[in-house]
Protein backbone atom coordinates (compact mmCIF):
# COMPACT_ATOMS: atom_id res chain seq x y z
CA ALA A 1 -8.53 -18.03 2.78
CA GLY A 2 -4.94 -18.48 3.14
CA VAL A 3 -2.30 -16.80 4.81
CA LEU A 4 -1.15 -13.84 3.30
CA GLN A 5 2.88 -13.80 3.18
CA ILE A 6 4.53 -10.34 3.35
CA GLU A 7 7.93 -10.02 2.63
CA VAL A 8 10.28 -6.67 3.36
CA THR A 9 12.30 -6.81 -0.12
CA ARG A 10 14.27 -3.11 0.40
CA VAL A 11 14.85 -1.04 3.07
CA VAL A 12 16.49 2.76 3.27
CA PRO A 13 16.64 3.59 6.99
CA GLY A 14 14.39 6.31 6.96
CA ARG A 15 13.23 6.89 3.81
CA ARG A 16 11.72 3.82 1.97
CA ILE A 17 10.69 0.40 2.58
CA VAL A 18 9.24 -2.26 0.11
CA HIS A 19 6.86 -4.77 0.59
CA THR A 20 6.29 -7.92 -1.39
CA ILE A 21 3.14 -10.17 -1.45
CA LEU A 22 4.42 -13.50 -2.02
CA ASP A 23 2.58 -15.17 -4.43
CA ASP A 24 2.25 -19.32 -4.64
CA GLY A 25 0.58 -19.37 -7.83
CA THR A 26 -2.57 -19.90 -6.47
CA GLN A 27 -3.87 -16.56 -5.25
CA GLY A 28 -4.03 -14.54 -8.86
CA TRP A 29 -2.92 -11.44 -7.39
CA GLY A 30 0.04 -9.67 -5.73
CA GLY A 31 2.69 -7.13 -6.10
CA THR A 32 4.86 -4.42 -3.98
CA TRP A 33 3.87 -1.43 -2.07
CA THR A 34 6.78 1.12 -1.75
CA ILE A 35 6.51 3.29 1.10
CA ASP A 36 8.82 6.61 0.89
CA ILE A 37 9.23 8.79 3.70
CA ALA A 38 10.22 12.46 3.34
CA GLU A 39 10.35 15.42 5.91
CA THR A 40 9.00 18.44 4.67
CA PRO A 41 7.96 21.92 6.72
CA ALA A 42 4.48 20.98 7.68
CA GLY A 43 5.89 17.47 9.04
CA THR A 44 6.38 14.62 7.56
CA GLU A 45 5.01 12.85 4.83
CA VAL A 46 4.28 9.34 3.72
CA SER A 47 3.70 8.36 0.07
CA ILE A 48 3.06 4.82 -1.23
CA ILE A 49 3.37 3.50 -4.72
CA GLU A 50 1.26 0.32 -5.29
CA GLU A 51 2.69 -1.90 -8.44
CA GLY A 52 0.54 -4.80 -8.72
CA TYR A 53 -1.47 -7.37 -10.72
CA VAL A 54 -4.96 -8.87 -10.42
CA ASP A 55 -5.46 -11.87 -12.72
CA SER A 56 -8.99 -12.48 -12.61
CA PRO A 57 -11.65 -10.08 -14.46
CA PHE A 58 -14.23 -10.92 -11.39
CA PHE A 59 -12.15 -9.59 -8.78
CA ARG A 60 -10.71 -6.28 -11.00
CA ILE A 61 -14.10 -5.40 -11.71
CA VAL A 62 -14.83 -5.81 -7.84
CA MET A 63 -11.69 -3.77 -7.45
CA ASN A 64 -12.81 -0.92 -9.54
CA LEU A 65 -16.28 -0.74 -7.59
CA MET A 66 -14.58 -0.84 -4.12
CA GLY A 67 -11.76 2.09 -5.38
CA GLN A 68 -8.80 1.40 -6.50
CA HIS A 69 -7.30 3.52 -3.86
CA SER A 70 -9.29 2.13 -1.22
CA THR A 71 -6.97 -0.05 0.97
CA ILE A 72 -3.94 2.52 0.33
CA GLU A 73 -5.98 5.83 1.60
CA SER A 74 -7.48 3.53 4.51
CA TYR A 75 -3.57 2.60 5.46
CA LEU A 76 -2.29 6.11 5.05
CA ARG A 77 -5.47 7.34 7.68
CA SER A 78 -5.03 4.74 10.06
CA LEU A 79 -1.39 5.57 10.24
CA GLY A 80 -1.98 9.27 10.78
CA ALA A 81 -4.62 8.39 13.61
CA HIS A 82 -1.96 6.17 15.14
CA TYR A 83 0.24 8.99 15.64
CA GLY A 84 -2.53 11.19 16.80
CA GLU A 85 -3.14 13.20 13.37
CA MET A 86 -5.91 14.04 10.64
CA VAL A 87 -4.71 12.48 7.55
CA THR A 88 -6.15 13.78 4.07
CA PRO A 89 -4.61 11.26 0.98
CA ARG A 90 -3.93 12.76 -2.00
CA ARG A 91 -3.13 12.05 -5.37
CA ASP A 92 -0.63 13.14 -7.45
């Protein structure tokens, strides 16, 4: 296991941040998380779009067994908890 390198590749202050996983060619997976922030009458809405790839058929199976959205949903719940909010992720 190595160090996961992530780079912030785009920032729109107060609205969007894009994180890119830097692949050195040996890990066989990578991609981006685009995090959008929007004010709504109920508060702040955070949405995440993941665009990625997993080369290994074995790891694609593991990912499907664990749930394709489990990491994003866990991140959103942790983000809400950090601010004292209960979060129920939804998939649109």
